[in-house]
């Protein structure tokens, strides 16, 4: 697939010319400095696009070198170890009995899908989906930003990582320990990454977009705080409200700064 993408880019560059093909804003690229990840490659032309594709292939498949540290090799090692442990102990079951915790019937699935009937589980699933929505909105704003400052772009990046590590991870882990409810005995919930609408850059104007982002993060903090206060919630949830509140405050700080300078 990636070789096909590379060939397609080469063909288009030959037909249209690189300036007509690579029209994205260079500041919207995920750079090593901004994302604190030296292996990132900012794509600004055909050569950098090919280099980025090579990096994806090498990390994913290890097709041109040692495949063992690549993603394929790591997953294969996990699978091999699992098979060995199962041979030693057929009762070995390292996974929890999760099922997707849809909070609404998915629009693209015809068969009715089970939804969590346990109220705590349902609230946790809804909070996870909201956190996923906020994450996508933060990333979308970064990659489609308008006149944001470098400080604001850094805030978007740090907020995205904060949601991933400080909200989605603990909520997703907590879900796997929560029961789906009486209709599905013995089963726990799994994150469905459910979106209620297609995410996008709904508000192109910077100030309005940041108002929306800070409001959504504040709502996420409120929901996480309510969830953490309920009985039967795993301890991993307790920190999510503070993380979301901190992200909302940092976003709101830029909104207040805009108003002071207006």
C-alpha atoms as a PDB file:
ATOM      1  CA  UNK A   1       0.000   0.000   0.000  1.00  0.00           C
ATOM      2  CA  UNK A   2       2.721   2.472   0.954  1.00  0.00           C
ATOM      3  CA  UNK A   3       4.686   1.671  -2.189  1.00  0.00           C
ATOM      4  CA  UNK A   4       1.500   2.443  -4.121  1.00  0.00           C
ATOM      5  CA  UNK A   5       1.207   5.787  -2.341  1.00  0.00           C
ATOM      6  CA  UNK A   6       4.834   6.537  -3.159  1.00  0.00           C
ATOM      7  CA  UNK A   7       4.299   5.690  -6.814  1.00  0.00           C
ATOM      8  CA  UNK A   8       1.153   7.814  -6.917  1.00  0.00           C
ATOM      9  CA  UNK A   9       2.964  10.816  -5.477  1.00  0.00           C
ATOM     10  CA  UNK A  10       5.783  10.377  -7.972  1.00  0.00           C
ATOM     11  CA  UNK A  11       3.348  10.193 -10.886  1.00  0.00           C
ATOM     12  CA  UNK A  12       1.421  13.258  -9.740  1.00  0.00           C
ATOM     13  CA  UNK A  13       4.606  15.241  -9.143  1.00  0.00           C
ATOM     14  CA  UNK A  14       5.726  14.374 -12.655  1.00  0.00           C
ATOM     15  CA  UNK A  15       2.413  15.472 -14.169  1.00  0.00           C
ATOM     16  CA  UNK A  16       1.619  18.520 -12.050  1.00  0.00           C
ATOM     17  CA  UNK A  17       4.959  19.584 -10.651  1.00  0.00           C
ATOM     18  CA  UNK A  18       5.850  19.529  -6.963  1.00  0.00           C
ATOM     19  CA  UNK A  19       4.713  23.123  -6.222  1.00  0.00           C
ATOM     20  CA  UNK A  20       1.192  22.243  -7.410  1.00  0.00           C
ATOM     21  CA  UNK A  21       1.125  18.965  -5.470  1.00  0.00           C
ATOM     22  CA  UNK A  22       2.609  19.858  -2.080  1.00  0.00           C
ATOM     23  CA  UNK A  23       0.479  22.878  -1.258  1.00  0.00           C
ATOM     24  CA  UNK A  24       0.120  22.342   2.501  1.00  0.00           C
ATOM     25  CA  UNK A  25       1.321  24.913   4.991  1.00  0.00           C
ATOM     26  CA  UNK A  26       4.828  23.910   6.190  1.00  0.00           C
ATOM     27  CA  UNK A  27       4.068  25.250   9.696  1.00  0.00           C
ATOM     28  CA  UNK A  28       1.294  22.667   9.996  1.00  0.00           C
ATOM     29  CA  UNK A  29       3.716  19.777   9.615  1.00  0.00           C
ATOM     30  CA  UNK A  30       4.474  17.593  12.622  1.00  0.00           C
ATOM     31  CA  UNK A  31       8.113  18.556  13.114  1.00  0.00           C
ATOM     32  CA  UNK A  32      10.652  16.779  15.353  1.00  0.00           C
ATOM     33  CA  UNK A  33      11.168  19.895  17.488  1.00  0.00           C
ATOM     34  CA  UNK A  34       7.501  20.619  18.105  1.00  0.00           C
ATOM     35  CA  UNK A  35       6.497  17.013  18.778  1.00  0.00           C
ATOM     36  CA  UNK A  36       9.730  16.119  20.628  1.00  0.00           C
ATOM     37  CA  UNK A  37      10.181  13.107  18.349  1.00  0.00           C
ATOM     38  CA  UNK A  38      13.402  13.120  16.294  1.00  0.00           C
ATOM     39  CA  UNK A  39      12.231  10.493  13.806  1.00  0.00           C
ATOM     40  CA  UNK A  40       9.414  12.657  12.449  1.00  0.00           C
ATOM     41  CA  UNK A  41       9.878  13.918   8.906  1.00  0.00           C
ATOM     42  CA  UNK A  42       8.184  17.128   7.809  1.00  0.00           C
ATOM     43  CA  UNK A  43       6.820  16.616   4.290  1.00  0.00           C
ATOM     44  CA  UNK A  44       7.373  19.599   2.019  1.00  0.00           C
ATOM     45  CA  UNK A  45       8.178  17.936  -1.290  1.00  0.00           C
ATOM     46  CA  UNK A  46       8.608  14.631  -3.068  1.00  0.00           C
ATOM     47  CA  UNK A  47      11.958  13.742  -1.484  1.00  0.00           C
ATOM     48  CA  UNK A  48      10.700  14.271   2.090  1.00  0.00           C
ATOM     49  CA  UNK A  49       7.455  12.423   1.269  1.00  0.00           C
ATOM     50  CA  UNK A  50       9.457   9.414   0.087  1.00  0.00           C
ATOM     51  CA  UNK A  51      11.629   9.574   3.197  1.00  0.00           C
ATOM     52  CA  UNK A  52       8.540   9.649   5.420  1.00  0.00           C
ATOM     53  CA  UNK A  53       7.052   6.643   3.641  1.00  0.00           C
ATOM     54  CA  UNK A  54      10.333   4.760   3.997  1.00  0.00           C
ATOM     55  CA  UNK A  55      10.286   5.491   7.732  1.00  0.00           C
ATOM     56  CA  UNK A  56       6.707   4.173   8.024  1.00  0.00           C
ATOM     57  CA  UNK A  57       7.594   0.998   6.154  1.00  0.00           C
ATOM     58  CA  UNK A  58      10.752   0.423   8.171  1.00  0.00           C
ATOM     59  CA  UNK A  59       9.060   0.998  11.525  1.00  0.00           C
ATOM     60  CA  UNK A  60       5.996  -1.020  10.610  1.00  0.00           C
ATOM     61  CA  UNK A  61       7.397  -3.968   8.684  1.00  0.00           C
ATOM     62  CA  UNK A  62      11.173  -3.772   8.922  1.00  0.00           C
ATOM     63  CA  UNK A  63      11.179  -4.597   5.239  1.00  0.00           C
ATOM     64  CA  UNK A  64      14.697  -3.301   4.529  1.00  0.00           C
ATOM     65  CA  UNK A  65      16.533  -4.259   7.684  1.00  0.00           C
ATOM     66  CA  UNK A  66      16.081  -6.123  10.943  1.00  0.00           C
ATOM     67  CA  UNK A  67      12.341  -6.765  11.179  1.00  0.00           C
ATOM     68  CA  UNK A  68      12.421  -7.825  14.838  1.00  0.00           C
ATOM     69  CA  UNK A  69      12.347  -4.307  16.399  1.00  0.00           C
ATOM     70  CA  UNK A  70       9.699  -3.169  13.887  1.00  0.00           C
ATOM     71  CA  UNK A  71       6.014  -3.218  14.787  1.00  0.00           C
ATOM     72  CA  UNK A  72       5.523  -6.489  12.934  1.00  0.00           C
ATOM     73  CA  UNK A  73       8.363  -8.126  14.837  1.00  0.00           C
ATOM     74  CA  UNK A  74       7.137  -6.876  18.197  1.00  0.00           C
ATOM     75  CA  UNK A  75       3.605  -8.121  17.628  1.00  0.00           C
ATOM     76  CA  UNK A  76       4.931 -11.432  16.361  1.00  0.00           C
ATOM     77  CA  UNK A  77       7.025 -11.808  19.538  1.00  0.00           C
ATOM     78  CA  UNK A  78       3.929 -11.165  21.672  1.00  0.00           C
ATOM     79  CA  UNK A  79       1.980 -13.764  19.686  1.00  0.00           C
ATOM     80  CA  UNK A  80       4.795 -16.301  19.950  1.00  0.00           C
ATOM     81  CA  UNK A  81       5.108 -15.806  23.709  1.00  0.00           C
ATOM     82  CA  UNK A  82       1.340 -16.116  24.108  1.00  0.00           C
ATOM     83  CA  UNK A  83       1.318 -19.426  22.244  1.00  0.00           C
ATOM     84  CA  UNK A  84       4.126 -20.782  24.413  1.00  0.00           C
ATOM     85  CA  UNK A  85       2.341 -19.783  27.623  1.00  0.00           C
ATOM     86  CA  UNK A  86      -0.890 -21.384  26.383  1.00  0.00           C
ATOM     87  CA  UNK A  87       0.956 -24.615  25.708  1.00  0.00           C
ATOM     88  CA  UNK A  88       2.347 -24.567  29.242  1.00  0.00           C
ATOM     89  CA  UNK A  89      -1.010 -23.651  30.803  1.00  0.00           C
ATOM     90  CA  UNK A  90      -4.139 -24.010  28.611  1.00  0.00           C
ATOM     91  CA  UNK A  91      -6.140 -21.971  31.155  1.00  0.00           C
ATOM     92  CA  UNK A  92      -3.877 -18.930  30.716  1.00  0.00           C
ATOM     93  CA  UNK A  93      -6.119 -15.986  29.717  1.00  0.00           C
ATOM     94  CA  UNK A  94      -4.269 -12.639  29.775  1.00  0.00           C
ATOM     95  CA  UNK A  95      -7.131 -10.564  28.353  1.00  0.00           C
ATOM     96  CA  UNK A  96     -10.284  -9.257  29.990  1.00  0.00           C
ATOM     97  CA  UNK A  97     -13.654 -10.320  28.499  1.00  0.00           C
ATOM     98  CA  UNK A  98     -14.384  -6.953  26.879  1.00  0.00           C
ATOM     99  CA  UNK A  99     -16.960  -6.058  24.276  1.00  0.00           C
ATOM    100  CA  UNK A 100     -17.357  -2.741  22.466  1.00  0.00           C
ATOM    101  CA  UNK A 101     -19.260  -0.311  24.660  1.00  0.00           C
ATOM    102  CA  UNK A 102     -21.286   1.610  22.081  1.00  0.00           C
ATOM    103  CA  UNK A 103     -23.356   4.362  23.670  1.00  0.00           C
ATOM    104  CA  UNK A 104     -25.429   4.835  20.516  1.00  0.00           C
ATOM    105  CA  UNK A 105     -26.315   2.456  17.705  1.00  0.00           C
ATOM    106  CA  UNK A 106     -23.530   2.872  15.090  1.00  0.00           C
ATOM    107  CA  UNK A 107     -24.853   4.334  11.863  1.00  0.00           C
ATOM    108  CA  UNK A 108     -22.753   1.975   9.738  1.00  0.00           C
ATOM    109  CA  UNK A 109     -23.788  -1.313  11.417  1.00  0.00           C
ATOM    110  CA  UNK A 110     -27.185  -2.811  10.622  1.00  0.00           C
ATOM    111  CA  UNK A 111     -27.385  -5.303  13.474  1.00  0.00           C
ATOM    112  CA  UNK A 112     -28.387  -3.816  16.852  1.00  0.00           C
ATOM    113  CA  UNK A 113     -25.304  -3.489  19.028  1.00  0.00           C
ATOM    114  CA  UNK A 114     -25.342  -4.080  22.804  1.00  0.00           C
ATOM    115  CA  UNK A 115     -24.888  -0.972  24.896  1.00  0.00           C
ATOM    116  CA  UNK A 116     -23.699  -0.802  28.502  1.00  0.00           C
ATOM    117  CA  UNK A 117     -26.649  -0.917  30.893  1.00  0.00           C
ATOM    118  CA  UNK A 118     -24.543  -0.389  33.991  1.00  0.00           C
ATOM    119  CA  UNK A 119     -24.850   3.388  34.657  1.00  0.00           C
ATOM    120  CA  UNK A 120     -21.236   3.851  35.755  1.00  0.00           C
ATOM    121  CA  UNK A 121     -19.934   1.973  32.730  1.00  0.00           C
ATOM    122  CA  UNK A 122     -22.117   3.989  30.395  1.00  0.00           C
ATOM    123  CA  UNK A 123     -20.877   7.260  31.871  1.00  0.00           C
ATOM    124  CA  UNK A 124     -17.281   6.084  31.551  1.00  0.00           C
ATOM    125  CA  UNK A 125     -17.865   5.133  27.903  1.00  0.00           C
ATOM    126  CA  UNK A 126     -19.449   8.514  27.160  1.00  0.00           C
ATOM    127  CA  UNK A 127     -16.543  10.314  28.841  1.00  0.00           C
ATOM    128  CA  UNK A 128     -14.080   8.297  26.774  1.00  0.00           C
ATOM    129  CA  UNK A 129     -15.904   9.209  23.562  1.00  0.00           C
ATOM    130  CA  UNK A 130     -15.896  12.885  24.533  1.00  0.00           C
ATOM    131  CA  UNK A 131     -12.155  12.724  25.237  1.00  0.00           C
ATOM    132  CA  UNK A 132     -11.622  11.138  21.821  1.00  0.00           C
ATOM    133  CA  UNK A 133     -13.632  13.947  20.241  1.00  0.00           C
ATOM    134  CA  UNK A 134     -11.545  16.599  22.027  1.00  0.00           C
ATOM    135  CA  UNK A 135      -8.333  14.896  20.913  1.00  0.00           C
ATOM    136  CA  UNK A 136      -9.386  14.881  17.263  1.00  0.00           C
ATOM    137  CA  UNK A 137     -10.455  18.522  17.465  1.00  0.00           C
ATOM    138  CA  UNK A 138      -7.093  19.509  18.958  1.00  0.00           C
ATOM    139  CA  UNK A 139      -5.149  17.660  16.274  1.00  0.00           C
ATOM    140  CA  UNK A 140      -7.397  18.971  13.517  1.00  0.00           C
ATOM    141  CA  UNK A 141      -6.856  22.513  14.732  1.00  0.00           C
ATOM    142  CA  UNK A 142      -3.091  22.019  14.696  1.00  0.00           C
ATOM    143  CA  UNK A 143      -2.981  20.645  11.162  1.00  0.00           C
ATOM    144  CA  UNK A 144      -5.490  23.194   9.793  1.00  0.00           C
ATOM    145  CA  UNK A 145      -4.562  26.209  11.917  1.00  0.00           C
ATOM    146  CA  UNK A 146      -4.681  29.755  10.609  1.00  0.00           C
ATOM    147  CA  UNK A 147      -2.787  32.518  12.424  1.00  0.00           C
ATOM    148  CA  UNK A 148      -1.822  30.705  15.635  1.00  0.00           C
ATOM    149  CA  UNK A 149       1.438  31.714  17.295  1.00  0.00           C
ATOM    150  CA  UNK A 150       4.225  29.209  17.914  1.00  0.00           C
ATOM    151  CA  UNK A 151       3.214  29.158  21.591  1.00  0.00           C
ATOM    152  CA  UNK A 152      -0.359  28.304  20.638  1.00  0.00           C
ATOM    153  CA  UNK A 153       0.775  25.522  18.317  1.00  0.00           C
ATOM    154  CA  UNK A 154       2.860  24.093  21.165  1.00  0.00           C
ATOM    155  CA  UNK A 155      -0.211  24.261  23.401  1.00  0.00           C
ATOM    156  CA  UNK A 156      -2.241  22.259  20.882  1.00  0.00           C
ATOM    157  CA  UNK A 157       0.469  19.592  20.683  1.00  0.00           C
ATOM    158  CA  UNK A 158       0.928  19.327  24.457  1.00  0.00           C
ATOM    159  CA  UNK A 159      -2.837  19.267  25.007  1.00  0.00           C
ATOM    160  CA  UNK A 160      -3.180  16.431  22.493  1.00  0.00           C
ATOM    161  CA  UNK A 161      -0.546  14.351  24.267  1.00  0.00           C
ATOM    162  CA  UNK A 162      -2.191  15.215  27.587  1.00  0.00           C
ATOM    163  CA  UNK A 163      -5.561  13.897  26.440  1.00  0.00           C
ATOM    164  CA  UNK A 164      -3.993  10.730  25.041  1.00  0.00           C
ATOM    165  CA  UNK A 165      -1.879   9.831  28.058  1.00  0.00           C
ATOM    166  CA  UNK A 166      -3.790  11.516  30.873  1.00  0.00           C
ATOM    167  CA  UNK A 167      -7.433  10.962  29.908  1.00  0.00           C
ATOM    168  CA  UNK A 168      -7.928   8.354  27.170  1.00  0.00           C
ATOM    169  CA  UNK A 169      -5.442   5.855  28.591  1.00  0.00           C
ATOM    170  CA  UNK A 170      -6.804   5.773  32.161  1.00  0.00           C
ATOM    171  CA  UNK A 171     -10.427   5.879  30.999  1.00  0.00           C
ATOM    172  CA  UNK A 172      -9.854   3.109  28.460  1.00  0.00           C
ATOM    173  CA  UNK A 173      -8.122   0.984  31.081  1.00  0.00           C
ATOM    174  CA  UNK A 174     -10.919   1.608  33.581  1.00  0.00           C
ATOM    175  CA  UNK A 175     -13.569   0.583  31.047  1.00  0.00           C
ATOM    176  CA  UNK A 176     -12.063  -2.892  30.727  1.00  0.00           C
ATOM    177  CA  UNK A 177     -12.692  -3.427  34.445  1.00  0.00           C
ATOM    178  CA  UNK A 178     -16.297  -2.202  34.435  1.00  0.00           C
ATOM    179  CA  UNK A 179     -19.265  -4.524  33.756  1.00  0.00           C
ATOM    180  CA  UNK A 180     -21.413  -4.119  30.660  1.00  0.00           C
ATOM    181  CA  UNK A 181     -24.487  -4.810  32.783  1.00  0.00           C
ATOM    182  CA  UNK A 182     -27.131  -7.488  33.383  1.00  0.00           C
ATOM    183  CA  UNK A 183     -27.739  -8.085  29.682  1.00  0.00           C
ATOM    184  CA  UNK A 184     -24.141  -9.256  29.202  1.00  0.00           C
ATOM    185  CA  UNK A 185     -23.126 -11.196  32.316  1.00  0.00           C
ATOM    186  CA  UNK A 186     -19.408 -11.726  32.814  1.00  0.00           C
ATOM    187  CA  UNK A 187     -18.465  -9.203  30.138  1.00  0.00           C
ATOM    188  CA  UNK A 188     -16.650  -5.926  30.645  1.00  0.00           C
ATOM    189  CA  UNK A 189     -16.576  -2.840  28.449  1.00  0.00           C
ATOM    190  CA  UNK A 190     -14.133  -1.884  25.748  1.00  0.00           C
ATOM    191  CA  UNK A 191     -13.589   1.555  24.244  1.00  0.00           C
ATOM    192  CA  UNK A 192     -15.540   1.928  21.003  1.00  0.00           C
ATOM    193  CA  UNK A 193     -13.904   5.224  19.871  1.00  0.00           C
ATOM    194  CA  UNK A 194     -17.397   6.246  18.836  1.00  0.00           C
ATOM    195  CA  UNK A 195     -17.935   9.545  17.054  1.00  0.00           C
ATOM    196  CA  UNK A 196     -21.358  11.142  16.855  1.00  0.00           C
ATOM    197  CA  UNK A 197     -20.382  13.281  13.884  1.00  0.00           C
ATOM    198  CA  UNK A 198     -17.497  13.618  11.497  1.00  0.00           C
ATOM    199  CA  UNK A 199     -14.776  15.723  13.170  1.00  0.00           C
ATOM    200  CA  UNK A 200     -13.395  18.660  11.297  1.00  0.00           C
ATOM    201  CA  UNK A 201     -12.253  22.240  11.550  1.00  0.00           C
ATOM    202  CA  UNK A 202     -15.757  23.521  12.215  1.00  0.00           C
ATOM    203  CA  UNK A 203     -14.645  27.073  13.012  1.00  0.00           C
ATOM    204  CA  UNK A 204     -11.876  28.483  10.796  1.00  0.00           C
ATOM    205  CA  UNK A 205     -11.454  31.687  12.830  1.00  0.00           C
ATOM    206  CA  UNK A 206      -8.803  31.238  15.499  1.00  0.00           C
ATOM    207  CA  UNK A 207     -10.454  32.959  18.457  1.00  0.00           C
ATOM    208  CA  UNK A 208     -13.784  31.208  17.986  1.00  0.00           C
ATOM    209  CA  UNK A 209     -12.051  27.864  17.472  1.00  0.00           C
ATOM    210  CA  UNK A 210     -10.122  28.210  20.725  1.00  0.00           C
ATOM    211  CA  UNK A 211     -13.279  29.186  22.606  1.00  0.00           C
ATOM    212  CA  UNK A 212     -14.875  25.983  21.363  1.00  0.00           C
ATOM    213  CA  UNK A 213     -11.829  23.880  22.239  1.00  0.00           C
ATOM    214  CA  UNK A 214     -11.606  25.245  25.779  1.00  0.00           C
ATOM    215  CA  UNK A 215     -15.350  24.733  26.310  1.00  0.00           C
ATOM    216  CA  UNK A 216     -15.192  21.124  25.166  1.00  0.00           C
ATOM    217  CA  UNK A 217     -12.184  20.463  27.398  1.00  0.00           C
ATOM    218  CA  UNK A 218     -14.028  22.051  30.327  1.00  0.00           C
ATOM    219  CA  UNK A 219     -17.018  19.811  29.686  1.00  0.00           C
ATOM    220  CA  UNK A 220     -14.673  16.823  29.590  1.00  0.00           C
ATOM    221  CA  UNK A 221     -13.198  17.851  32.952  1.00  0.00           C
ATOM    222  CA  UNK A 222     -16.677  18.180  34.437  1.00  0.00           C
ATOM    223  CA  UNK A 223     -17.754  14.750  33.221  1.00  0.00           C
ATOM    224  CA  UNK A 224     -14.542  13.124  34.432  1.00  0.00           C
ATOM    225  CA  UNK A 225     -14.972  14.731  37.869  1.00  0.00           C
ATOM    226  CA  UNK A 226     -18.529  13.418  38.120  1.00  0.00           C
ATOM    227  CA  UNK A 227     -17.380   9.967  37.063  1.00  0.00           C
ATOM    228  CA  UNK A 228     -14.495   9.894  39.542  1.00  0.00           C
ATOM    229  CA  UNK A 229     -16.894  10.721  42.390  1.00  0.00           C
ATOM    230  CA  UNK A 230     -19.081   7.667  41.748  1.00  0.00           C
ATOM    231  CA  UNK A 231     -18.784   4.423  43.656  1.00  0.00           C
ATOM    232  CA  UNK A 232     -17.168   1.483  41.923  1.00  0.00           C
ATOM    233  CA  UNK A 233     -14.958   3.512  39.602  1.00  0.00           C
ATOM    234  CA  UNK A 234     -11.346   2.287  39.259  1.00  0.00           C
ATOM    235  CA  UNK A 235      -8.711   4.528  40.809  1.00  0.00           C
ATOM    236  CA  UNK A 236      -7.170   5.244  37.407  1.00  0.00           C
ATOM    237  CA  UNK A 237     -10.065   7.624  36.697  1.00  0.00           C
ATOM    238  CA  UNK A 238      -9.296   9.969  39.583  1.00  0.00           C
ATOM    239  CA  UNK A 239      -6.538  11.867  37.761  1.00  0.00           C
ATOM    240  CA  UNK A 240      -8.433  12.404  34.501  1.00  0.00           C
ATOM    241  CA  UNK A 241     -10.499  15.338  35.781  1.00  0.00           C
ATOM    242  CA  UNK A 242      -7.406  17.287  36.880  1.00  0.00           C
ATOM    243  CA  UNK A 243      -5.668  16.595  33.568  1.00  0.00           C
ATOM    244  CA  UNK A 244      -8.679  17.716  31.525  1.00  0.00           C
ATOM    245  CA  UNK A 245      -9.148  20.797  33.728  1.00  0.00           C
ATOM    246  CA  UNK A 246      -5.511  21.782  33.231  1.00  0.00           C
ATOM    247  CA  UNK A 247      -5.850  21.438  29.463  1.00  0.00           C
ATOM    248  CA  UNK A 248      -9.037  23.520  29.477  1.00  0.00           C
ATOM    249  CA  UNK A 249      -7.360  26.245  31.538  1.00  0.00           C
ATOM    250  CA  UNK A 250      -4.364  26.419  29.192  1.00  0.00           C
ATOM    251  CA  UNK A 251      -6.640  26.711  26.190  1.00  0.00           C
ATOM    252  CA  UNK A 252      -8.810  29.300  27.935  1.00  0.00           C
ATOM    253  CA  UNK A 253      -5.678  31.283  28.810  1.00  0.00           C
ATOM    254  CA  UNK A 254      -5.104  31.939  25.118  1.00  0.00           C
ATOM    255  CA  UNK A 255      -8.742  32.992  24.742  1.00  0.00           C
ATOM    256  CA  UNK A 256      -8.373  35.501  27.590  1.00  0.00           C
ATOM    257  CA  UNK A 257      -5.133  36.764  26.064  1.00  0.00           C
ATOM    258  CA  UNK A 258      -6.976  37.433  22.800  1.00  0.00           C
ATOM    259  CA  UNK A 259      -9.617  39.446  24.653  1.00  0.00           C
ATOM    260  CA  UNK A 260      -6.985  41.533  26.486  1.00  0.00           C
ATOM    261  CA  UNK A 261      -5.352  42.449  23.195  1.00  0.00           C
ATOM    262  CA  UNK A 262      -8.609  43.044  21.316  1.00  0.00           C
END
